[in-house]
Amino acid sequence: MELQLKITGVLLLALALLHACFPRYFKWGDELANISLLTRQVFYVHMFFIAFIVFLMGLLCISSGQELTGTPLGQKIAGGLFIFWLCRLLIQVFGYSPALWRGKGFETIIHLLFILLWSYLTLIFGLTAFSLVENDGKRISNAVGGCWRGAFIVPTARIDIETPDHLPKWWV
C-alpha cells in the first residue's frame, strides 16, 4: 500500500504543478477581464490554494505512507482524503455539463482520464482509511474497522484470513 501511496503522491504533485498552466491554457486573462477586481483576485487566490493543498497532499503521500497506513491518525487523515476525492469524482461525473466535452475528442479523453484519476485516488485513500488492506497484505477488516470505531457507532471486527476459524462457517 505504501508504494501505491507514493505513486499517488507523484500524481498529486504533477496535478498541483499542472495548475500553473491553467490560466494561459484556459485564457483566464480574457475570460476574467469583465469581472470585478475583487472577484478576479478571489478566483486566482482560490486556484492557488487548491494547487497548494494538492501539492501538500502529494508530499504527505510520498513522505508519510507508513504513518498513513499504520497509525489511527494516519487512517483518519486518509479518511478525510477519501471523502475529498470521492466528492471530486462525483462532481466530475455529475457536476460538469456534457456540453463541455460531448462530441469533442480531446475534451472527452481529458474528462475520462480525470474520472479514472479521481477513481484511483478515491480507491487508494479508501483502502488506506478503512484498513481493507494492511501493509502485510494478509488482513482485511470490515468497512468501518480500525481507527473508525470512535467515529461511527457500529460494531467493528477484524477478520484474519490466515485463521479461517474466525470466519463464519457459511463464509468458508
C-alpha atoms as a PDB file:
ATOM      1  CA  MET A   1       0.000   0.000   0.000  1.00  0.00           C
ATOM      2  CA  GLU A   2       2.900   2.335   0.683  1.00  0.00           C
ATOM      3  CA  LEU A   3       4.019   2.000  -2.951  1.00  0.00           C
ATOM      4  CA  GLN A   4       0.515   2.962  -4.100  1.00  0.00           C
ATOM      5  CA  LEU A   5       0.631   5.995  -1.807  1.00  0.00           C
ATOM      6  CA  LYS A   6       3.981   7.048  -3.291  1.00  0.00           C
ATOM      7  CA  ILE A   7       2.526   6.714  -6.815  1.00  0.00           C
ATOM      8  CA  THR A   8      -0.475   8.732  -5.623  1.00  0.00           C
ATOM      9  CA  GLY A   9       1.893  11.362  -4.234  1.00  0.00           C
ATOM     10  CA  VAL A  10       3.706  11.728  -7.550  1.00  0.00           C
ATOM     11  CA  LEU A  11       0.378  12.062  -9.388  1.00  0.00           C
ATOM     12  CA  LEU A  12      -0.791  14.726  -6.934  1.00  0.00           C
ATOM     13  CA  LEU A  13       2.466  16.691  -7.258  1.00  0.00           C
ATOM     14  CA  ALA A  14       2.119  16.609 -11.049  1.00  0.00           C
ATOM     15  CA  LEU A  15      -1.501  17.739 -10.788  1.00  0.00           C
ATOM     16  CA  ALA A  16      -0.541  20.603  -8.487  1.00  0.00           C
ATOM     17  CA  LEU A  17       2.196  21.793 -10.850  1.00  0.00           C
ATOM     18  CA  LEU A  18      -0.198  21.475 -13.807  1.00  0.00           C
ATOM     19  CA  HIS A  19      -2.306  24.212 -12.196  1.00  0.00           C
ATOM     20  CA  ALA A  20       0.406  26.701 -13.198  1.00  0.00           C
ATOM     21  CA  CYS A  21      -0.613  26.160 -16.848  1.00  0.00           C
ATOM     22  CA  PHE A  22      -4.345  26.682 -16.292  1.00  0.00           C
ATOM     23  CA  PRO A  23      -4.525  30.496 -16.607  1.00  0.00           C
ATOM     24  CA  ARG A  24      -2.836  30.537 -20.012  1.00  0.00           C
ATOM     25  CA  TYR A  25      -4.486  27.358 -21.366  1.00  0.00           C
ATOM     26  CA  PHE A  26      -7.994  28.429 -20.362  1.00  0.00           C
ATOM     27  CA  LYS A  27      -7.308  32.080 -21.325  1.00  0.00           C
ATOM     28  CA  TRP A  28      -8.400  33.285 -17.923  1.00  0.00           C
ATOM     29  CA  GLY A  29      -6.962  36.742 -18.559  1.00  0.00           C
ATOM     30  CA  ASP A  30      -9.539  37.289 -21.305  1.00  0.00           C
ATOM     31  CA  GLU A  31     -12.310  35.364 -19.544  1.00  0.00           C
ATOM     32  CA  LEU A  32     -11.954  37.254 -16.264  1.00  0.00           C
ATOM     33  CA  ALA A  33     -11.366  40.731 -17.723  1.00  0.00           C
ATOM     34  CA  ASN A  34     -15.045  41.670 -17.408  1.00  0.00           C
ATOM     35  CA  ILE A  35     -15.486  40.830 -13.731  1.00  0.00           C
ATOM     36  CA  SER A  36     -14.629  42.965 -10.723  1.00  0.00           C
ATOM     37  CA  LEU A  37     -11.073  43.103  -9.427  1.00  0.00           C
ATOM     38  CA  LEU A  38     -12.136  41.501  -6.139  1.00  0.00           C
ATOM     39  CA  THR A  39     -13.836  38.558  -7.841  1.00  0.00           C
ATOM     40  CA  ARG A  40     -10.864  38.078 -10.182  1.00  0.00           C
ATOM     41  CA  GLN A  41      -8.372  38.078  -7.303  1.00  0.00           C
ATOM     42  CA  VAL A  42     -10.504  35.740  -5.187  1.00  0.00           C
ATOM     43  CA  PHE A  43     -10.625  33.380  -8.185  1.00  0.00           C
ATOM     44  CA  TYR A  44      -6.827  33.353  -8.560  1.00  0.00           C
ATOM     45  CA  VAL A  45      -6.208  33.030  -4.816  1.00  0.00           C
ATOM     46  CA  HIS A  46      -8.605  30.086  -4.588  1.00  0.00           C
ATOM     47  CA  MET A  47      -6.938  28.395  -7.541  1.00  0.00           C
ATOM     48  CA  PHE A  48      -3.535  28.890  -5.907  1.00  0.00           C
ATOM     49  CA  PHE A  49      -4.679  27.353  -2.628  1.00  0.00           C
ATOM     50  CA  ILE A  50      -6.299  24.390  -4.365  1.00  0.00           C
ATOM     51  CA  ALA A  51      -2.981  23.719  -6.121  1.00  0.00           C
ATOM     52  CA  PHE A  52      -1.085  24.244  -2.849  1.00  0.00           C
ATOM     53  CA  ILE A  53      -3.287  21.779  -0.941  1.00  0.00           C
ATOM     54  CA  VAL A  54      -2.982  19.198  -3.717  1.00  0.00           C
ATOM     55  CA  PHE A  55       0.808  19.699  -3.606  1.00  0.00           C
ATOM     56  CA  LEU A  56       0.826  19.153   0.172  1.00  0.00           C
ATOM     57  CA  MET A  57      -1.304  16.010  -0.236  1.00  0.00           C
ATOM     58  CA  GLY A  58       1.302  14.720  -2.670  1.00  0.00           C
ATOM     59  CA  LEU A  59       4.144  15.442  -0.271  1.00  0.00           C
ATOM     60  CA  LEU A  60       2.235  13.725   2.538  1.00  0.00           C
ATOM     61  CA  CYS A  61       1.734  10.591   0.455  1.00  0.00           C
ATOM     62  CA  ILE A  62       5.364  10.442  -0.634  1.00  0.00           C
ATOM     63  CA  SER A  63       6.884  11.153   2.768  1.00  0.00           C
ATOM     64  CA  SER A  64       4.442   9.531   5.196  1.00  0.00           C
ATOM     65  CA  GLY A  65       2.952   6.428   3.605  1.00  0.00           C
ATOM     66  CA  GLN A  66       3.838   4.244   6.580  1.00  0.00           C
ATOM     67  CA  GLU A  67       2.177   6.666   9.006  1.00  0.00           C
ATOM     68  CA  LEU A  68      -0.943   6.927   6.824  1.00  0.00           C
ATOM     69  CA  THR A  69      -1.347   3.150   6.745  1.00  0.00           C
ATOM     70  CA  GLY A  70      -0.040   2.245  10.175  1.00  0.00           C
ATOM     71  CA  THR A  71      -1.475   4.751  12.647  1.00  0.00           C
ATOM     72  CA  PRO A  72      -5.014   5.688  13.663  1.00  0.00           C
ATOM     73  CA  LEU A  73      -4.330   9.375  12.953  1.00  0.00           C
ATOM     74  CA  GLY A  74      -2.935   8.495   9.521  1.00  0.00           C
ATOM     75  CA  GLN A  75      -6.013   6.443   8.723  1.00  0.00           C
ATOM     76  CA  LYS A  76      -8.278   9.317   9.787  1.00  0.00           C
ATOM     77  CA  ILE A  77      -6.343  11.674   7.526  1.00  0.00           C
ATOM     78  CA  ALA A  78      -6.708   9.139   4.718  1.00  0.00           C
ATOM     79  CA  GLY A  79     -10.440   9.022   5.508  1.00  0.00           C
ATOM     80  CA  GLY A  80     -10.701  12.761   5.017  1.00  0.00           C
ATOM     81  CA  LEU A  81      -8.806  12.499   1.732  1.00  0.00           C
ATOM     82  CA  PHE A  82     -11.106   9.647   0.687  1.00  0.00           C
ATOM     83  CA  ILE A  83     -14.151  11.888   1.252  1.00  0.00           C
ATOM     84  CA  PHE A  84     -12.456  14.793  -0.565  1.00  0.00           C
ATOM     85  CA  TRP A  85     -11.610  12.759  -3.678  1.00  0.00           C
ATOM     86  CA  LEU A  86     -14.960  10.954  -3.671  1.00  0.00           C
ATOM     87  CA  CYS A  87     -16.675  14.353  -3.793  1.00  0.00           C
ATOM     88  CA  ARG A  88     -14.338  15.425  -6.599  1.00  0.00           C
ATOM     89  CA  LEU A  89     -15.185  12.250  -8.533  1.00  0.00           C
ATOM     90  CA  LEU A  90     -18.918  12.870  -8.116  1.00  0.00           C
ATOM     91  CA  ILE A  91     -18.512  16.467  -9.312  1.00  0.00           C
ATOM     92  CA  GLN A  92     -16.573  15.243 -12.358  1.00  0.00           C
ATOM     93  CA  VAL A  93     -19.354  12.815 -13.268  1.00  0.00           C
ATOM     94  CA  PHE A  94     -22.452  14.806 -12.312  1.00  0.00           C
ATOM     95  CA  GLY A  95     -21.333  18.433 -11.948  1.00  0.00           C
ATOM     96  CA  TYR A  96     -19.963  19.254 -15.392  1.00  0.00           C
ATOM     97  CA  SER A  97     -22.334  19.717 -18.296  1.00  0.00           C
ATOM     98  CA  PRO A  98     -21.822  17.137 -21.046  1.00  0.00           C
ATOM     99  CA  ALA A  99     -21.893  20.089 -23.456  1.00  0.00           C
ATOM    100  CA  LEU A 100     -18.333  20.832 -22.321  1.00  0.00           C
ATOM    101  CA  TRP A 101     -16.942  17.528 -23.614  1.00  0.00           C
ATOM    102  CA  ARG A 102     -19.504  15.530 -25.626  1.00  0.00           C
ATOM    103  CA  GLY A 103     -18.619  15.356 -29.311  1.00  0.00           C
ATOM    104  CA  LYS A 104     -15.174  16.857 -28.681  1.00  0.00           C
ATOM    105  CA  GLY A 105     -12.424  14.253 -28.904  1.00  0.00           C
ATOM    106  CA  PHE A 106      -9.729  15.860 -26.772  1.00  0.00           C
ATOM    107  CA  GLU A 107     -12.142  17.128 -24.109  1.00  0.00           C
ATOM    108  CA  THR A 108     -13.838  13.714 -23.856  1.00  0.00           C
ATOM    109  CA  ILE A 109     -10.476  11.986 -23.354  1.00  0.00           C
ATOM    110  CA  ILE A 110      -9.496  14.501 -20.644  1.00  0.00           C
ATOM    111  CA  HIS A 111     -12.902  14.086 -18.966  1.00  0.00           C
ATOM    112  CA  LEU A 112     -12.491  10.278 -18.906  1.00  0.00           C
ATOM    113  CA  LEU A 113      -8.864  10.497 -17.715  1.00  0.00           C
ATOM    114  CA  PHE A 114      -9.937  12.688 -14.799  1.00  0.00           C
ATOM    115  CA  ILE A 115     -12.701  10.221 -13.923  1.00  0.00           C
ATOM    116  CA  LEU A 116     -10.040   7.493 -13.829  1.00  0.00           C
ATOM    117  CA  LEU A 117      -7.669   9.642 -11.765  1.00  0.00           C
ATOM    118  CA  TRP A 118     -10.318  10.651  -9.209  1.00  0.00           C
ATOM    119  CA  SER A 119     -11.470   6.998  -9.010  1.00  0.00           C
ATOM    120  CA  TYR A 120      -7.907   5.848  -8.355  1.00  0.00           C
ATOM    121  CA  LEU A 121      -7.354   8.476  -5.646  1.00  0.00           C
ATOM    122  CA  THR A 122     -10.692   7.613  -4.031  1.00  0.00           C
ATOM    123  CA  LEU A 123      -9.830   3.898  -4.065  1.00  0.00           C
ATOM    124  CA  ILE A 124      -6.329   4.315  -2.608  1.00  0.00           C
ATOM    125  CA  PHE A 125      -7.422   6.640   0.200  1.00  0.00           C
ATOM    126  CA  GLY A 126     -10.487   4.497   0.897  1.00  0.00           C
ATOM    127  CA  LEU A 127      -8.399   1.342   1.211  1.00  0.00           C
ATOM    128  CA  THR A 128      -5.946   3.173   3.443  1.00  0.00           C
ATOM    129  CA  ALA A 129      -8.611   4.756   5.649  1.00  0.00           C
ATOM    130  CA  PHE A 130     -10.733   1.707   6.222  1.00  0.00           C
ATOM    131  CA  SER A 131      -7.873  -0.782   6.654  1.00  0.00           C
ATOM    132  CA  LEU A 132      -9.149  -3.000   3.882  1.00  0.00           C
ATOM    133  CA  VAL A 133      -5.548  -3.827   3.031  1.00  0.00           C
ATOM    134  CA  GLU A 134      -2.787  -3.682   5.610  1.00  0.00           C
ATOM    135  CA  ASN A 135       0.929  -3.489   4.989  1.00  0.00           C
ATOM    136  CA  ASP A 136       1.399  -7.247   5.090  1.00  0.00           C
ATOM    137  CA  GLY A 137      -1.440  -7.708   2.602  1.00  0.00           C
ATOM    138  CA  LYS A 138      -2.822 -10.619   4.666  1.00  0.00           C
ATOM    139  CA  ARG A 139      -5.516  -8.904   6.673  1.00  0.00           C
ATOM    140  CA  ILE A 140      -8.804  -7.275   5.920  1.00  0.00           C
ATOM    141  CA  SER A 141     -11.329  -5.627   8.176  1.00  0.00           C
ATOM    142  CA  ASN A 142     -14.929  -4.590   7.788  1.00  0.00           C
ATOM    143  CA  ALA A 143     -15.702  -1.328   6.047  1.00  0.00           C
ATOM    144  CA  VAL A 144     -15.634   0.745   9.228  1.00  0.00           C
ATOM    145  CA  GLY A 145     -12.923  -1.011  11.198  1.00  0.00           C
ATOM    146  CA  GLY A 146      -9.708   0.054  12.781  1.00  0.00           C
ATOM    147  CA  CYS A 147      -9.428   3.707  13.670  1.00  0.00           C
ATOM    148  CA  TRP A 148     -13.028   4.492  12.764  1.00  0.00           C
ATOM    149  CA  ARG A 149     -14.502   2.866  15.898  1.00  0.00           C
ATOM    150  CA  GLY A 150     -14.936   6.221  17.603  1.00  0.00           C
ATOM    151  CA  ALA A 151     -16.320   7.962  14.530  1.00  0.00           C
ATOM    152  CA  PHE A 152     -19.261   5.645  13.936  1.00  0.00           C
ATOM    153  CA  ILE A 153     -21.458   3.792  16.375  1.00  0.00           C
ATOM    154  CA  VAL A 154     -21.208   0.404  14.748  1.00  0.00           C
ATOM    155  CA  PRO A 155     -19.565  -2.820  15.854  1.00  0.00           C
ATOM    156  CA  THR A 156     -16.171  -3.446  14.347  1.00  0.00           C
ATOM    157  CA  ALA A 157     -14.381  -6.711  13.938  1.00  0.00           C
ATOM    158  CA  ARG A 158     -11.194  -7.826  12.299  1.00  0.00           C
ATOM    159  CA  ILE A 159     -11.197 -10.937  10.199  1.00  0.00           C
ATOM    160  CA  ASP A 160      -7.853 -12.659   9.878  1.00  0.00           C
ATOM    161  CA  ILE A 161      -7.686 -14.552   6.596  1.00  0.00           C
ATOM    162  CA  GLU A 162      -4.859 -16.732   7.853  1.00  0.00           C
ATOM    163  CA  THR A 163      -7.114 -18.194  10.560  1.00  0.00           C
ATOM    164  CA  PRO A 164     -10.379 -19.349   8.986  1.00  0.00           C
ATOM    165  CA  ASP A 165     -11.703 -20.274  12.442  1.00  0.00           C
ATOM    166  CA  HIS A 166     -12.698 -16.621  12.835  1.00  0.00           C
ATOM    167  CA  LEU A 167     -14.850 -16.756   9.707  1.00  0.00           C
ATOM    168  CA  PRO A 168     -18.462 -17.901   9.852  1.00  0.00           C
ATOM    169  CA  LYS A 169     -18.947 -21.418   8.503  1.00  0.00           C
ATOM    170  CA  TRP A 170     -21.006 -20.153   5.561  1.00  0.00           C
ATOM    171  CA  TRP A 171     -18.137 -17.804   4.567  1.00  0.00           C
ATOM    172  CA  VAL A 172     -15.516 -20.545   4.097  1.00  0.00           C
END
